[in-house]
N, C-alpha and C. Protein backbone atom coordinates (compact mmCIF):
# COMPACT_ATOMS: atom_id res chain seq x y z
N UNK A 1 0.82 -1.14 -0.05
CA UNK A 1 0.02 -0.01 0.06
C UNK A 1 0.81 1.26 -0.11
N UNK A 2 1.02 1.95 -0.94
CA UNK A 2 1.82 3.13 -0.94
C UNK A 2 1.34 4.40 -0.37
N UNK A 3 0.29 4.24 -0.18
CA UNK A 3 -0.38 5.45 0.89
C UNK A 3 -0.70 5.19 2.40
N UNK A 4 -0.57 5.95 3.28
CA UNK A 4 -0.45 5.88 4.77
C UNK A 4 -1.89 6.55 5.29
N UNK A 5 -2.76 6.00 5.58
CA UNK A 5 -4.10 6.57 6.00
C UNK A 5 -4.56 6.03 7.50
N UNK A 6 -4.89 6.94 8.53
CA UNK A 6 -5.35 6.59 9.51
C UNK A 6 -6.72 7.34 10.03
N UNK A 7 -7.39 7.15 10.83
CA UNK A 7 -8.71 7.60 11.10
C UNK A 7 -8.63 7.26 12.79
N UNK A 8 -8.27 8.07 13.44
CA UNK A 8 -8.09 7.82 15.26
C UNK A 8 -8.71 9.14 15.73
N UNK A 9 -9.79 8.66 16.44
CA UNK A 9 -10.71 9.95 17.01
C UNK A 9 -10.72 9.81 18.51
N UNK A 10 -10.29 11.20 19.38
CA UNK A 10 -9.89 11.17 20.56
C UNK A 10 -10.71 12.04 21.16
N UNK A 11 -11.06 11.91 22.38
CA UNK A 11 -11.70 12.77 23.50
C UNK A 11 -10.78 13.36 24.29
N UNK A 12 -10.20 14.65 24.43
CA UNK A 12 -9.40 15.36 25.17
C UNK A 12 -10.25 16.26 26.41
N UNK A 13 -10.09 16.08 27.38
CA UNK A 13 -10.58 17.06 28.43
C UNK A 13 -9.29 17.74 29.33
N UNK A 14 -9.50 18.89 29.50
CA UNK A 14 -8.62 19.43 30.22
C UNK A 14 -8.97 20.69 30.94
N UNK A 15 -9.00 21.12 32.18
CA UNK A 15 -9.17 22.07 33.04
C UNK A 15 -8.52 23.40 32.94
N UNK A 16 -9.18 24.36 33.56
CA UNK A 16 -8.31 25.67 33.83
C UNK A 16 -7.67 25.46 34.98
N UNK A 17 -6.65 26.31 35.34
CA UNK A 17 -5.44 25.91 36.30
C UNK A 17 -6.45 26.28 37.59
N UNK A 18 -6.29 25.23 38.56
CA UNK A 18 -6.89 25.16 39.62
C UNK A 18 -8.83 25.33 39.81
N UNK A 19 -9.10 25.09 38.35
CA UNK A 19 -10.39 24.88 37.85
C UNK A 19 -11.15 26.04 38.20
N UNK A 20 -10.50 27.23 37.93
CA UNK A 20 -11.22 28.44 38.01
C UNK A 20 -12.29 28.58 36.97
N UNK A 21 -13.68 29.19 37.19
CA UNK A 21 -14.67 29.27 36.35
C UNK A 21 -14.25 30.32 35.50
N UNK A 22 -13.29 30.54 34.73
CA UNK A 22 -13.07 31.91 34.05
C UNK A 22 -13.80 32.33 32.86
N UNK A 23 -14.38 31.27 32.24
CA UNK A 23 -15.20 31.28 30.78
C UNK A 23 -16.84 31.32 30.98
N UNK A 24 -17.18 32.23 32.10
CA UNK A 24 -18.42 32.46 32.36
C UNK A 24 -19.19 33.25 31.13
N UNK A 25 -18.63 34.14 30.57
CA UNK A 25 -19.21 34.84 29.47
C UNK A 25 -19.55 33.90 28.32
N UNK A 26 -20.64 33.29 27.87
CA UNK A 26 -20.99 32.53 26.76
C UNK A 26 -20.44 32.86 25.71
N UNK A 27 -20.38 34.00 25.33
CA UNK A 27 -20.00 34.47 23.81
C UNK A 27 -18.27 34.48 23.87
N UNK A 28 -17.50 34.79 24.95
CA UNK A 28 -16.14 34.24 24.72
C UNK A 28 -15.68 33.01 24.94
N UNK A 29 -16.63 31.96 25.54
CA UNK A 29 -16.61 30.73 25.49
C UNK A 29 -16.80 30.04 24.13
N UNK A 30 -17.87 30.52 23.33
CA UNK A 30 -17.98 30.16 22.04
C UNK A 30 -16.76 30.35 21.16
N UNK A 31 -16.25 31.71 21.48
CA UNK A 31 -15.19 31.94 20.59
C UNK A 31 -13.96 31.18 21.18
N UNK A 32 -13.81 30.76 22.22
CA UNK A 32 -12.91 30.01 22.61
C UNK A 32 -12.75 28.73 22.08
N UNK A 33 -13.90 28.18 21.87
CA UNK A 33 -14.29 26.73 21.40
C UNK A 33 -13.87 26.96 19.84
N UNK A 34 -14.38 27.50 19.36
CA UNK A 34 -14.02 28.15 17.83
C UNK A 34 -12.55 28.13 17.63
N UNK A 35 -11.63 28.83 18.65
CA UNK A 35 -10.37 28.95 18.45
C UNK A 35 -9.64 27.60 18.63
N UNK A 36 -9.89 26.92 19.60
CA UNK A 36 -9.48 25.51 19.85
C UNK A 36 -9.68 24.72 18.83
N UNK A 37 -10.54 24.51 17.86
CA UNK A 37 -10.88 23.85 16.80
C UNK A 37 -9.97 24.30 15.78
N UNK A 38 -9.67 25.68 15.68
CA UNK A 38 -8.92 26.01 14.76
C UNK A 38 -7.19 25.45 15.00
N UNK A 39 -7.05 25.38 16.51
CA UNK A 39 -5.72 25.00 16.97
C UNK A 39 -5.49 23.73 16.47
N UNK A 40 -6.77 22.52 16.67
CA UNK A 40 -6.68 21.25 16.00
C UNK A 40 -6.58 21.32 14.64
N UNK A 41 -7.09 21.91 13.93
CA UNK A 41 -6.94 21.95 12.49
C UNK A 41 -5.78 22.23 11.87
N UNK A 42 -5.07 23.31 12.66
CA UNK A 42 -3.66 23.70 12.29
C UNK A 42 -2.86 22.67 12.28
N UNK A 43 -3.09 21.92 13.54
CA UNK A 43 -2.33 20.48 13.52
C UNK A 43 -2.26 19.32 12.68
N UNK A 44 -3.46 19.44 11.84
CA UNK A 44 -4.15 18.41 11.19
C UNK A 44 -4.86 17.46 11.76
N UNK A 45 -5.46 17.87 12.78
CA UNK A 45 -6.43 17.16 13.34
C UNK A 45 -7.81 17.87 13.60
N UNK A 46 -8.76 17.02 12.76
CA UNK A 46 -9.91 17.45 12.24
C UNK A 46 -10.77 17.78 13.59
N UNK A 47 -11.37 18.94 14.01
CA UNK A 47 -12.25 19.31 15.21
C UNK A 47 -13.91 18.72 14.94
N UNK A 48 -14.26 17.79 15.56
CA UNK A 48 -15.51 17.05 15.32
C UNK A 48 -16.61 17.92 16.46
N UNK A 49 -16.19 18.29 17.67
CA UNK A 49 -16.96 19.16 18.52
C UNK A 49 -16.10 19.46 19.31
N UNK A 50 -15.97 20.72 19.85
CA UNK A 50 -15.56 21.24 21.01
C UNK A 50 -16.64 21.90 21.74
N UNK A 51 -16.36 21.86 22.87
CA UNK A 51 -17.43 22.36 23.95
C UNK A 51 -16.88 22.14 25.39
N UNK A 52 -17.75 22.70 26.29
CA UNK A 52 -17.20 22.82 27.92
C UNK A 52 -18.10 23.88 28.38
N UNK A 53 -17.61 23.88 29.68
CA UNK A 53 -18.35 25.21 30.69
C UNK A 53 -17.06 25.91 31.05
N UNK A 54 -17.61 26.58 32.32
CA UNK A 54 -16.91 27.67 32.99
C UNK A 54 -15.58 27.48 32.94
N UNK A 55 -15.40 25.99 33.72
CA UNK A 55 -13.54 25.79 34.30
C UNK A 55 -12.89 24.43 33.11
N UNK A 56 -13.62 24.07 31.98
CA UNK A 56 -13.04 22.95 31.49
C UNK A 56 -13.28 22.87 30.00
N UNK A 57 -12.62 22.44 29.28
CA UNK A 57 -13.10 22.03 27.82
C UNK A 57 -13.19 20.56 27.66
N UNK A 58 -13.90 19.79 26.42
CA UNK A 58 -13.56 19.04 25.83
C UNK A 58 -13.42 19.14 24.27
N UNK A 59 -12.59 18.56 23.85
CA UNK A 59 -12.27 18.37 22.41
C UNK A 59 -12.27 17.04 21.78
N UNK A 60 -13.31 16.99 21.04
CA UNK A 60 -13.30 15.70 20.04
C UNK A 60 -12.70 16.07 18.65
N UNK A 61 -11.31 15.17 18.41
CA UNK A 61 -10.90 15.60 17.21
C UNK A 61 -10.64 14.27 16.76
N UNK A 62 -9.94 14.64 15.52
CA UNK A 62 -9.31 13.08 14.99
C UNK A 62 -7.73 13.49 15.41
N UNK A 63 -6.80 12.32 15.30
CA UNK A 63 -5.66 12.54 15.60
C UNK A 63 -4.76 12.30 14.40
N UNK A 64 -3.93 13.24 13.97
CA UNK A 64 -3.38 13.20 12.70
C UNK A 64 -2.22 12.23 12.73
N UNK A 65 -1.91 11.47 11.85
CA UNK A 65 -0.95 10.29 11.94
C UNK A 65 0.54 10.63 12.25
N UNK A 66 0.78 12.18 12.30
CA UNK A 66 2.00 12.51 12.40
C UNK A 66 2.46 13.23 13.56
N UNK A 67 1.66 13.22 14.63
CA UNK A 67 1.61 13.69 15.80
C UNK A 67 1.26 13.09 16.77
N UNK A 68 1.76 12.94 17.92
CA UNK A 68 1.65 12.09 19.38
C UNK A 68 0.61 13.03 20.22
N UNK A 69 -0.33 12.21 20.93
CA UNK A 69 -0.99 12.91 21.62
C UNK A 69 -0.70 13.85 22.53
N UNK A 70 0.49 13.77 23.17
CA UNK A 70 1.27 14.53 24.25
C UNK A 70 1.68 15.90 23.76
N UNK A 71 2.06 15.84 22.18
CA UNK A 71 2.24 16.95 21.38
C UNK A 71 1.23 17.75 20.87
N UNK A 72 -0.17 16.76 20.66
CA UNK A 72 -1.29 17.87 20.22
C UNK A 72 -1.67 18.53 21.43
N UNK A 73 -1.68 17.78 22.47
CA UNK A 73 -2.42 18.65 23.83
C UNK A 73 -1.51 20.00 24.01
N UNK A 74 -0.17 19.60 24.25
CA UNK A 74 0.74 20.89 24.43
C UNK A 74 0.52 22.02 23.69
N UNK A 75 0.55 21.60 22.18
CA UNK A 75 0.43 22.65 21.64
C UNK A 75 -0.91 23.43 21.28
N UNK A 76 -2.09 22.79 21.72
CA UNK A 76 -3.10 23.34 21.67
C UNK A 76 -3.47 24.05 22.94
N UNK A 77 -2.74 23.81 24.18
CA UNK A 77 -2.61 24.36 25.32
C UNK A 77 -2.08 25.72 25.23
N UNK A 78 -0.75 25.38 24.65
CA UNK A 78 0.25 26.73 24.35
C UNK A 78 -0.36 27.80 23.45
N UNK A 79 -0.87 27.47 22.37
CA UNK A 79 -1.54 28.47 21.52
C UNK A 79 -2.79 29.00 22.03
N UNK A 80 -3.58 28.51 22.74
CA UNK A 80 -4.92 28.83 22.94
C UNK A 80 -4.65 29.98 24.36
N UNK A 81 -3.73 29.44 25.35
CA UNK A 81 -3.06 30.00 26.66
C UNK A 81 -2.42 31.63 26.26
N UNK A 82 -1.70 31.42 24.96
CA UNK A 82 -1.26 32.99 24.59
C UNK A 82 -2.43 33.92 24.11
N UNK A 83 -3.36 33.31 23.17
CA UNK A 83 -4.28 33.68 22.55
C UNK A 83 -5.16 34.41 23.75
N UNK A 84 -5.64 33.80 24.72
CA UNK A 84 -6.31 34.04 25.52
C UNK A 84 -5.57 35.25 26.65
N UNK A 85 -4.33 35.06 26.97
CA UNK A 85 -3.90 36.16 27.92
C UNK A 85 -4.12 37.33 27.17
N UNK A 86 -3.93 37.40 25.45
CA UNK A 86 -3.95 38.78 24.92
C UNK A 86 -5.12 39.46 25.30
N UNK A 87 -6.14 38.68 25.94
CA UNK A 87 -7.52 39.33 26.28
C UNK A 87 -7.64 40.40 27.53
N UNK A 88 -6.39 40.32 27.99
CA UNK A 88 -6.06 41.36 29.05
C UNK A 88 -6.68 41.06 30.22
N UNK A 89 -6.99 42.11 31.18
CA UNK A 89 -7.47 41.72 32.62
C UNK A 89 -7.11 40.67 33.40
N UNK A 90 -8.21 40.11 33.76
CA UNK A 90 -7.73 38.88 34.29
C UNK A 90 -7.17 37.26 33.72
N UNK A 91 -7.57 37.58 32.45
CA UNK A 91 -6.62 36.71 31.62
C UNK A 91 -5.37 36.91 31.41
N UNK A 92 -4.62 37.83 31.92
CA UNK A 92 -3.26 37.93 31.76
C UNK A 92 -2.56 36.94 32.35
N UNK A 93 -2.90 36.20 33.33
CA UNK A 93 -2.23 35.19 33.95
C UNK A 93 -2.87 33.71 33.86
N UNK A 94 -3.74 33.75 32.77
CA UNK A 94 -4.57 32.42 32.59
C UNK A 94 -3.39 31.24 32.20
N UNK A 95 -3.89 30.24 32.61
CA UNK A 95 -3.25 29.06 32.48
C UNK A 95 -4.19 27.79 32.29
N UNK A 96 -4.01 26.80 31.60
CA UNK A 96 -4.53 25.58 31.86
C UNK A 96 -4.04 24.65 32.88
N UNK A 97 -4.55 23.72 33.49
CA UNK A 97 -4.16 22.95 34.33
C UNK A 97 -2.80 22.08 33.49
N UNK A 98 -1.97 21.52 34.58
CA UNK A 98 -0.95 20.89 33.49
C UNK A 98 -1.36 19.49 32.93
N UNK A 99 -2.13 18.90 33.71
CA UNK A 99 -2.36 17.40 33.04
C UNK A 99 -3.69 17.61 32.06
N UNK A 100 -4.16 16.33 31.60
CA UNK A 100 -5.28 16.24 30.64
C UNK A 100 -5.67 14.76 30.55
N UNK A 101 -6.97 14.38 30.07
CA UNK A 101 -7.22 13.33 29.93
C UNK A 101 -7.14 12.94 28.60
N UNK A 102 -7.16 12.04 27.80
CA UNK A 102 -7.33 12.02 26.58
C UNK A 102 -7.49 10.46 26.15
N UNK A 103 -8.78 10.01 25.53
CA UNK A 103 -9.36 8.66 25.48
C UNK A 103 -9.92 8.59 23.84
N UNK A 104 -9.56 7.04 23.44
CA UNK A 104 -9.58 6.75 22.31
C UNK A 104 -11.37 6.52 22.09
N UNK A 105 -12.06 7.04 21.04
CA UNK A 105 -13.64 6.81 20.65
C UNK A 105 -13.59 6.09 19.51
N UNK A 106 -14.65 5.24 19.51
CA UNK A 106 -14.79 4.39 18.22
C UNK A 106 -15.46 5.11 17.51
N UNK A 107 -15.30 4.78 16.45
CA UNK A 107 -16.13 5.71 15.18
C UNK A 107 -17.83 5.50 15.30
N UNK A 108 -18.10 4.35 15.89
CA UNK A 108 -19.45 4.21 15.89
C UNK A 108 -20.01 5.10 17.45
N UNK A 109 -19.34 5.33 18.28
CA UNK A 109 -19.87 6.49 19.32
C UNK A 109 -19.30 7.72 19.19
N UNK A 110 -19.16 7.99 18.08
CA UNK A 110 -18.56 9.59 17.92
C UNK A 110 -19.80 10.37 17.94
N UNK A 111 -21.05 9.75 17.42
CA UNK A 111 -22.35 10.69 17.50
C UNK A 111 -22.89 10.84 19.50
N UNK A 112 -22.44 9.94 19.99
CA UNK A 112 -22.99 9.90 21.53
C UNK A 112 -22.10 11.04 22.09
N UNK A 113 -20.72 11.04 21.54
CA UNK A 113 -19.76 11.90 22.28
C UNK A 113 -20.14 13.26 21.94
N UNK A 114 -20.24 13.42 20.92
CA UNK A 114 -20.74 14.73 20.45
C UNK A 114 -22.18 15.44 21.35
N UNK A 115 -23.01 14.52 21.44
CA UNK A 115 -24.00 14.58 22.21
C UNK A 115 -23.62 15.10 23.50
N UNK A 116 -23.00 14.48 24.07
CA UNK A 116 -22.46 14.42 25.30
C UNK A 116 -21.69 15.85 25.87
N UNK A 117 -20.75 16.07 24.70
CA UNK A 117 -19.93 17.64 24.81
C UNK A 117 -21.10 18.72 24.36
N UNK A 118 -22.05 18.42 23.60
CA UNK A 118 -23.17 19.63 23.40
C UNK A 118 -24.22 19.75 24.79
N UNK A 119 -24.22 18.68 25.42
CA UNK A 119 -24.87 18.36 26.68
C UNK A 119 -24.14 19.36 27.72
N UNK A 120 -23.13 19.74 27.86
CA UNK A 120 -22.10 20.07 28.94
C UNK A 120 -23.04 20.96 29.91
N UNK A 121 -23.53 21.82 29.53
CA UNK A 121 -23.93 23.00 30.30
C UNK A 121 -25.18 22.17 31.61
N UNK A 122 -26.13 21.08 30.96
CA UNK A 122 -27.02 20.65 31.56
C UNK A 122 -26.27 19.52 32.49
N UNK A 123 -25.58 18.80 32.20
CA UNK A 123 -24.51 17.68 32.75
C UNK A 123 -23.92 18.48 34.22
N UNK A 124 -23.74 19.85 33.91
CA UNK A 124 -23.04 20.31 35.07
C UNK A 124 -23.72 20.91 35.86
N UNK A 125 -25.03 21.08 35.70
CA UNK A 125 -26.11 21.36 37.05
C UNK A 125 -25.99 20.18 37.87
N UNK A 126 -25.88 19.12 37.41
CA UNK A 126 -25.70 17.69 38.58
C UNK A 126 -24.44 17.44 38.88
N UNK A 127 -23.39 17.72 38.15
CA UNK A 127 -22.11 16.79 38.26
C UNK A 127 -20.95 17.72 38.33
N UNK A 128 -19.97 17.65 39.12
CA UNK A 128 -18.80 18.42 39.33
C UNK A 128 -17.98 17.87 37.96
N UNK A 129 -16.91 18.77 37.91
CA UNK A 129 -15.61 18.30 36.94
C UNK A 129 -15.23 16.96 37.47
N UNK A 130 -14.58 17.40 38.73
CA UNK A 130 -14.19 16.09 39.14
C UNK A 130 -15.13 14.23 38.94
N UNK A 131 -16.37 14.63 39.46
CA UNK A 131 -17.09 13.62 39.09
C UNK A 131 -17.27 13.04 37.88
N UNK A 132 -17.40 14.21 36.95
CA UNK A 132 -17.24 13.63 35.61
C UNK A 132 -15.94 13.16 35.25
N UNK A 133 -14.93 13.56 35.29
CA UNK A 133 -13.50 13.24 34.99
C UNK A 133 -13.27 11.66 35.67
N UNK A 134 -13.59 11.17 36.88
CA UNK A 134 -13.67 10.06 37.57
C UNK A 134 -14.39 9.30 36.65
N UNK A 135 -15.68 9.43 36.20
CA UNK A 135 -16.61 8.59 35.46
C UNK A 135 -15.93 8.15 34.16
N UNK A 136 -15.43 9.24 33.27
CA UNK A 136 -14.64 9.19 32.41
C UNK A 136 -13.61 8.18 32.36
N UNK A 137 -12.61 8.71 33.35
CA UNK A 137 -11.65 7.45 33.71
C UNK A 137 -12.23 6.12 33.84
N UNK A 138 -12.89 5.73 34.82
CA UNK A 138 -13.73 4.80 34.93
C UNK A 138 -14.25 4.15 33.86
N UNK A 139 -14.98 4.67 33.05
CA UNK A 139 -15.48 4.19 31.86
C UNK A 139 -14.40 3.85 30.88
N UNK A 140 -13.16 4.01 30.73
CA UNK A 140 -12.20 3.76 30.10
C UNK A 140 -10.97 2.80 30.74
N UNK A 141 -11.52 2.35 32.12
CA UNK A 141 -10.52 1.53 32.68
C UNK A 141 -9.02 1.90 32.97
N UNK A 142 -9.40 3.28 32.88
CA UNK A 142 -8.00 4.22 33.60
C UNK A 142 -7.90 4.56 34.88
N UNK A 143 -6.71 3.58 35.50
CA UNK A 143 -6.05 3.85 37.11
C UNK A 143 -5.72 5.25 37.18
N UNK A 144 -5.90 5.86 38.56
CA UNK A 144 -5.50 7.13 38.59
C UNK A 144 -5.15 7.57 39.98
N UNK A 145 -4.40 8.29 40.41
CA UNK A 145 -4.17 8.56 41.79
C UNK A 145 -4.49 10.17 41.92
N UNK A 146 -5.61 10.25 43.10
CA UNK A 146 -6.57 11.50 43.32
C UNK A 146 -5.37 12.58 43.59
N UNK A 147 -4.04 11.88 44.48
CA UNK A 147 -2.99 13.20 44.32
C UNK A 147 -2.63 13.58 43.50
N UNK A 148 -2.69 13.25 42.39
CA UNK A 148 -1.99 13.80 41.02
C UNK A 148 -3.04 14.21 39.97
N UNK A 149 -4.32 14.17 40.31
CA UNK A 149 -5.21 14.39 39.02
C UNK A 149 -5.34 15.84 39.20
N UNK A 150 -5.94 16.58 40.42
CA UNK A 150 -6.35 17.56 40.48
C UNK A 150 -5.00 18.90 40.43
N UNK A 151 -5.15 19.79 39.85
CA UNK A 151 -4.00 20.63 40.02
C UNK A 151 -4.44 21.82 39.69
């Protein structure tokens, strides 16, 4: 086969540093989600759905066959942090949390994950970010240490 092809879908989740609810303005949050999608696209990772709430984001994207997960997340965080900080005011000191969660998504589950991301506002009326992440980690069989998950 002379051509290399891949279709890998990932669901990436990360929070603001200290889970500060800095994205309360929904217009800014929508702009941020669009910007994050642009960051993914620049890395040749197709954004399928980007969303979140005041203190964290969810990115459902493809993963380019030429980039690692760690480099994808590092670059999205780096570029978006710089963009957010240009907004000035309280955003001048903005940072994302150091860690992240990234999970493979079966092609057949993509529509369900899209709906999950679209329903974040409603979901977080009943569940905290910590409860949500624990649930995602458990669903994917991922072990974790509470001492190191929250920064």
